[in-house]
């Protein structure tokens, strides 16, 4: 297995930090898995997932979203949500991804972004896995903060608001919580503009559910205090996909891939993918 790091320059000249893990030639299976992290975190938190997928023959690409991790950009800020979609376009172009052999696995806000990507670029990917996706928001914002944020999103869009998500609500795994607490790349605030752009995207993903046609697997934490665990299945059933699977993990917290039994969850996800993108010998190619 080979680990590499890349700088992908987007259409607005922002540099995205991207990790890749490539299996040995003997075990490559001509398939690519793009792993997308959630709000305020970064792709490095999914290295254990990426390594296991690569061990099973997948070429794995793990970007840091703009304003996250080691990518450029104002921390957890975006002028327009569509900028994230354009960044994905740059990733697909840089790595010359084959849409018929490319899948996405995305967590939380990354799930919202990836679902929107699949709705607006339906020919770019072959399958989508959503991990506790942001289809409904569980965290409540008080009216005063909401009104202040709305004003700031217009007159001072980079105004920071501290996250209302307690770290203890992300996982029941003490080791994962300790790693999160000591991680210097995790942000604890979002900008006003980011929040309201996220809200617009959330409405668009729900309103355009019928535009999602690729095979979808949605895995949802049942004891989720961050996203609404009851919003995902009805939304999934309203999509245009004829191949859609929902699975609830009743006692799990938000970060399914950081719970103690994450290997079982990952194997379930990869098994689902293997049925839709079967392994096949990989022709040699030059990695970007």
Protein backbone atom coordinates (compact mmCIF):
# COMPACT_ATOMS: atom_id res chain seq x y z
CA UNK A 1 0.00 0.00 0.00
CA UNK A 2 1.27 3.46 -0.89
CA UNK A 3 0.30 6.68 0.89
CA UNK A 4 0.63 9.96 -1.02
CA UNK A 5 -0.25 13.61 -0.46
CA UNK A 6 -1.41 16.03 -3.15
CA UNK A 7 -2.29 19.69 -3.54
CA UNK A 8 -5.28 20.12 -5.85
CA UNK A 9 -5.80 23.68 -7.06
CA UNK A 10 -9.46 24.52 -7.59
CA UNK A 11 -11.02 26.85 -10.15
CA UNK A 12 -10.73 29.82 -7.76
CA UNK A 13 -7.05 29.02 -7.02
CA UNK A 14 -7.71 27.54 -3.56
CA UNK A 15 -5.38 24.64 -2.77
CA UNK A 16 -6.99 21.53 -1.33
CA UNK A 17 -4.93 19.03 0.65
CA UNK A 18 -5.71 15.48 -0.47
CA UNK A 19 -4.49 12.12 0.84
CA UNK A 20 -4.49 9.01 -1.31
CA UNK A 21 -3.94 5.37 -0.46
CA UNK A 22 -3.18 3.02 -3.31
CA UNK A 23 -3.02 -0.77 -2.98
CA UNK A 24 -0.17 -2.77 -4.44
CA UNK A 25 -0.69 -3.52 -8.13
CA UNK A 26 -1.45 -7.15 -7.37
CA UNK A 27 -4.44 -6.23 -5.23
CA UNK A 28 -5.85 -3.19 -7.05
CA UNK A 29 -9.40 -3.65 -8.29
CA UNK A 30 -9.97 -0.70 -10.66
CA UNK A 31 -12.26 1.07 -8.19
CA UNK A 32 -11.97 4.41 -6.41
CA UNK A 33 -13.53 5.39 -3.10
CA UNK A 34 -13.71 9.09 -2.21
CA UNK A 35 -14.13 9.63 1.54
CA UNK A 36 -15.68 12.95 2.60
CA UNK A 37 -15.45 14.21 6.19
CA UNK A 38 -17.95 16.31 8.14
CA UNK A 39 -18.04 19.87 9.44
CA UNK A 40 -15.05 21.24 11.33
CA UNK A 41 -12.99 18.05 11.00
CA UNK A 42 -10.64 16.75 8.30
CA UNK A 43 -9.80 13.72 6.19
CA UNK A 44 -7.02 12.55 8.48
CA UNK A 45 -9.65 11.34 10.94
CA UNK A 46 -10.65 8.70 8.37
CA UNK A 47 -7.21 7.19 7.84
CA UNK A 48 -8.25 3.93 9.52
CA UNK A 49 -11.18 3.66 7.11
CA UNK A 50 -9.05 4.53 4.11
CA UNK A 51 -6.41 1.94 4.99
CA UNK A 52 -8.92 -0.87 5.31
CA UNK A 53 -10.61 0.05 2.03
CA UNK A 54 -7.22 0.16 0.31
CA UNK A 55 -6.35 -3.21 1.84
CA UNK A 56 -9.45 -4.53 0.07
CA UNK A 57 -8.22 -3.22 -3.26
CA UNK A 58 -9.76 0.26 -3.48
CA UNK A 59 -7.88 3.33 -4.61
CA UNK A 60 -8.85 5.77 -1.86
CA UNK A 61 -8.98 9.57 -2.06
CA UNK A 62 -9.51 11.59 1.12
CA UNK A 63 -9.64 15.38 0.68
CA UNK A 64 -9.79 18.09 3.30
CA UNK A 65 -12.67 20.37 2.33
CA UNK A 66 -11.79 24.04 1.83
CA UNK A 67 -11.46 25.81 5.15
CA UNK A 68 -10.83 22.48 6.89
CA UNK A 69 -7.73 20.57 7.95
CA UNK A 70 -4.70 21.36 5.82
CA UNK A 71 -6.62 22.88 2.91
CA UNK A 72 -6.61 26.59 2.20
CA UNK A 73 -9.58 28.84 2.88
CA UNK A 74 -11.15 30.72 5.76
CA UNK A 75 -11.86 28.13 8.49
CA UNK A 76 -15.32 26.60 8.09
CA UNK A 77 -16.46 29.32 5.72
CA UNK A 78 -17.83 29.38 2.20
CA UNK A 79 -19.35 32.24 0.20
CA UNK A 80 -21.68 29.91 -1.69
CA UNK A 81 -22.37 26.22 -1.08
CA UNK A 82 -21.90 25.61 -4.81
CA UNK A 83 -18.20 26.30 -4.27
CA UNK A 84 -17.87 22.88 -2.61
CA UNK A 85 -19.42 21.25 -5.68
CA UNK A 86 -16.95 23.05 -7.95
CA UNK A 87 -14.14 21.82 -5.69
CA UNK A 88 -15.37 18.27 -6.24
CA UNK A 89 -15.30 18.92 -9.98
CA UNK A 90 -11.63 19.85 -9.61
CA UNK A 91 -10.91 16.65 -7.67
CA UNK A 92 -12.59 14.49 -10.30
CA UNK A 93 -10.59 16.22 -13.03
CA UNK A 94 -7.26 16.08 -11.18
CA UNK A 95 -7.49 12.35 -10.49
CA UNK A 96 -9.19 11.56 -13.81
CA UNK A 97 -11.84 9.54 -12.03
CA UNK A 98 -13.88 7.00 -13.97
CA UNK A 99 -17.53 7.67 -13.01
CA UNK A 100 -18.50 4.03 -13.55
CA UNK A 101 -15.88 2.87 -11.05
CA UNK A 102 -16.05 5.66 -8.45
CA UNK A 103 -18.03 5.67 -5.21
CA UNK A 104 -18.34 8.19 -2.38
CA UNK A 105 -18.51 7.47 1.35
CA UNK A 106 -19.46 10.61 3.26
CA UNK A 107 -20.17 11.56 6.86
CA UNK A 108 -22.63 14.15 8.22
CA UNK A 109 -22.14 17.49 6.39
CA UNK A 110 -20.01 15.56 3.92
CA UNK A 111 -23.12 13.47 3.29
CA UNK A 112 -25.17 16.59 2.54
CA UNK A 113 -22.46 17.79 0.16
CA UNK A 114 -22.13 14.40 -1.54
CA UNK A 115 -25.88 13.95 -1.91
CA UNK A 116 -26.06 17.36 -3.57
CA UNK A 117 -23.14 16.42 -5.82
CA UNK A 118 -24.97 13.25 -6.87
CA UNK A 119 -28.13 15.25 -7.56
CA UNK A 120 -26.40 17.87 -9.68
CA UNK A 121 -23.71 15.66 -11.30
CA UNK A 122 -25.54 12.34 -11.66
CA UNK A 123 -23.04 10.92 -14.16
CA UNK A 124 -19.96 11.46 -11.96
CA UNK A 125 -20.30 8.49 -9.59
CA UNK A 126 -21.60 4.94 -9.47
CA UNK A 127 -22.67 4.62 -5.81
CA UNK A 128 -23.06 6.66 -2.64
CA UNK A 129 -22.73 5.72 1.03
CA UNK A 130 -24.05 8.20 3.58
CA UNK A 131 -22.96 7.95 7.22
CA UNK A 132 -25.31 9.79 9.59
CA UNK A 133 -25.90 12.35 6.84
CA UNK A 134 -27.04 15.89 7.50
CA UNK A 135 -30.57 15.64 6.12
CA UNK A 136 -32.15 17.17 9.23
CA UNK A 137 -30.49 19.16 12.01
CA UNK A 138 -30.87 18.01 15.61
CA UNK A 139 -28.88 20.82 17.24
CA UNK A 140 -31.17 23.69 18.22
CA UNK A 141 -30.23 27.34 17.74
CA UNK A 142 -31.92 29.90 20.00
CA UNK A 143 -33.90 32.66 18.20
CA UNK A 144 -31.56 35.48 19.24
CA UNK A 145 -28.48 33.70 17.90
CA UNK A 146 -30.39 32.80 14.73
CA UNK A 147 -31.36 36.43 14.07
CA UNK A 148 -27.87 37.69 14.85
CA UNK A 149 -26.35 35.08 12.58
CA UNK A 150 -28.73 35.95 9.76
CA UNK A 151 -27.72 39.61 9.96
CA UNK A 152 -24.02 38.80 10.16
CA UNK A 153 -24.24 36.44 7.20
CA UNK A 154 -25.03 39.51 5.09
CA UNK A 155 -23.03 42.36 6.63
CA UNK A 156 -20.07 40.43 8.10
CA UNK A 157 -20.26 36.88 6.68
CA UNK A 158 -17.02 35.66 8.26
CA UNK A 159 -18.28 36.31 11.79
CA UNK A 160 -17.58 33.23 13.87
CA UNK A 161 -20.13 31.41 15.98
CA UNK A 162 -19.00 28.71 18.38
CA UNK A 163 -20.21 25.20 17.66
CA UNK A 164 -23.11 24.02 19.85
CA UNK A 165 -22.08 20.38 19.49
CA UNK A 166 -20.57 18.85 22.66
CA UNK A 167 -17.65 16.56 21.81
CA UNK A 168 -19.18 13.83 23.96
CA UNK A 169 -22.12 13.60 21.58
CA UNK A 170 -19.96 12.46 18.68
CA UNK A 171 -18.89 8.99 19.86
CA UNK A 172 -19.07 6.53 22.75
CA UNK A 173 -15.45 5.54 22.14
CA UNK A 174 -13.15 7.11 24.79
CA UNK A 175 -10.08 6.78 22.56
CA UNK A 176 -11.82 8.54 19.68
CA UNK A 177 -12.93 11.33 22.01
CA UNK A 178 -9.38 11.75 23.33
CA UNK A 179 -8.02 11.98 19.78
CA UNK A 180 -10.64 14.57 18.89
CA UNK A 181 -9.87 16.63 21.99
CA UNK A 182 -6.15 16.79 21.16
CA UNK A 183 -6.52 17.30 17.40
CA UNK A 184 -5.20 20.75 16.39
CA UNK A 185 -6.91 20.58 12.99
CA UNK A 186 -10.46 20.42 14.37
CA UNK A 187 -12.30 23.75 14.41
CA UNK A 188 -14.74 24.73 17.12
CA UNK A 189 -16.55 27.51 15.24
CA UNK A 190 -18.34 28.11 11.93
CA UNK A 191 -19.01 31.36 10.13
CA UNK A 192 -22.41 32.95 9.78
CA UNK A 193 -22.35 32.64 5.99
CA UNK A 194 -21.37 28.96 6.17
CA UNK A 195 -24.33 28.18 8.43
CA UNK A 196 -26.95 29.78 6.21
CA UNK A 197 -25.42 28.38 3.03
CA UNK A 198 -25.63 24.97 4.68
CA UNK A 199 -29.30 25.62 5.43
CA UNK A 200 -29.98 26.49 1.78
CA UNK A 201 -28.23 23.32 0.64
CA UNK A 202 -30.23 21.27 3.13
CA UNK A 203 -33.48 22.60 1.67
CA UNK A 204 -32.24 21.93 -1.88
CA UNK A 205 -31.23 18.33 -1.11
CA UNK A 206 -34.66 17.63 0.35
CA UNK A 207 -36.58 19.44 -2.38
CA UNK A 208 -34.58 17.72 -5.14
CA UNK A 209 -34.69 14.22 -3.63
CA UNK A 210 -36.13 12.81 -6.87
CA UNK A 211 -33.00 13.92 -8.75
CA UNK A 212 -30.87 11.40 -6.86
CA UNK A 213 -30.68 8.23 -8.99
CA UNK A 214 -27.45 6.42 -8.04
CA UNK A 215 -27.49 3.43 -5.66
CA UNK A 216 -27.52 4.74 -2.08
CA UNK A 217 -26.74 3.11 1.26
CA UNK A 218 -27.63 5.27 4.29
CA UNK A 219 -26.27 4.17 7.66
CA UNK A 220 -27.69 6.21 10.53
CA UNK A 221 -26.79 6.44 14.21
CA UNK A 222 -29.95 6.01 16.27
CA UNK A 223 -28.70 7.91 19.34
CA UNK A 224 -27.66 10.90 17.24
CA UNK A 225 -27.74 14.26 19.00
CA UNK A 226 -26.30 16.19 16.04
CA UNK A 227 -28.33 15.29 12.95
CA UNK A 228 -31.94 14.18 13.01
CA UNK A 229 -31.88 10.36 12.87
CA UNK A 230 -35.56 10.25 11.86
CA UNK A 231 -35.11 12.47 8.79
CA UNK A 232 -32.92 10.17 6.73
CA UNK A 233 -35.13 7.18 5.89
CA UNK A 234 -38.16 9.20 4.66
CA UNK A 235 -35.85 11.34 2.53
CA UNK A 236 -34.11 8.26 1.14
CA UNK A 237 -37.43 6.66 0.23
CA UNK A 238 -38.40 9.82 -1.68
CA UNK A 239 -35.29 9.77 -3.87
CA UNK A 240 -35.30 8.68 -7.48
CA UNK A 241 -32.94 5.80 -6.77
CA UNK A 242 -34.26 2.30 -7.43
CA UNK A 243 -31.41 0.85 -5.34
CA UNK A 244 -31.63 2.33 -1.86
CA UNK A 245 -30.88 0.74 1.48
CA UNK A 246 -31.33 2.16 4.98
CA UNK A 247 -29.84 0.80 8.18
CA UNK A 248 -30.29 2.22 11.68
CA UNK A 249 -27.80 1.52 14.47
CA UNK A 250 -30.06 2.14 17.49
CA UNK A 251 -27.53 2.80 20.26
CA UNK A 252 -24.77 4.42 18.22
CA UNK A 253 -23.64 8.03 18.41
CA UNK A 254 -23.09 10.33 15.43
CA UNK A 255 -19.64 9.22 14.22
CA UNK A 256 -20.32 5.65 13.17
CA UNK A 257 -16.75 5.15 11.98
CA UNK A 258 -15.41 6.16 15.39
CA UNK A 259 -17.64 3.88 17.44
CA UNK A 260 -16.03 0.81 19.01
CA UNK A 261 -17.53 -1.55 16.43
CA UNK A 262 -16.53 0.56 13.41
CA UNK A 263 -14.85 -2.41 11.64
CA UNK A 264 -18.22 -4.19 11.47
CA UNK A 265 -19.94 -1.07 10.13
CA UNK A 266 -17.22 -0.53 7.55
CA UNK A 267 -17.34 -4.13 6.39
CA UNK A 268 -21.10 -3.85 5.95
CA UNK A 269 -20.61 -0.72 3.83
CA UNK A 270 -17.83 -2.25 1.73
CA UNK A 271 -19.82 -5.45 1.21
CA UNK A 272 -22.69 -3.34 -0.14
CA UNK A 273 -20.25 -1.55 -2.45
CA UNK A 274 -18.68 -4.79 -3.65
CA UNK A 275 -22.08 -5.95 -4.88
CA UNK A 276 -22.47 -2.82 -7.00
CA UNK A 277 -18.88 -2.23 -8.10
CA UNK A 278 -17.40 -5.74 -8.33
CA UNK A 279 -13.65 -6.08 -8.16
CA UNK A 280 -11.80 -6.59 -11.40
CA UNK A 281 -8.11 -6.56 -12.38
CA UNK A 282 -6.79 -3.02 -12.54
CA UNK A 283 -4.86 -1.87 -15.61
CA UNK A 284 -1.68 -0.02 -14.72
CA UNK A 285 -2.06 3.73 -14.67
CA UNK A 286 0.00 6.68 -13.58
CA UNK A 287 -1.22 8.23 -10.33
CA UNK A 288 -1.60 11.97 -10.29
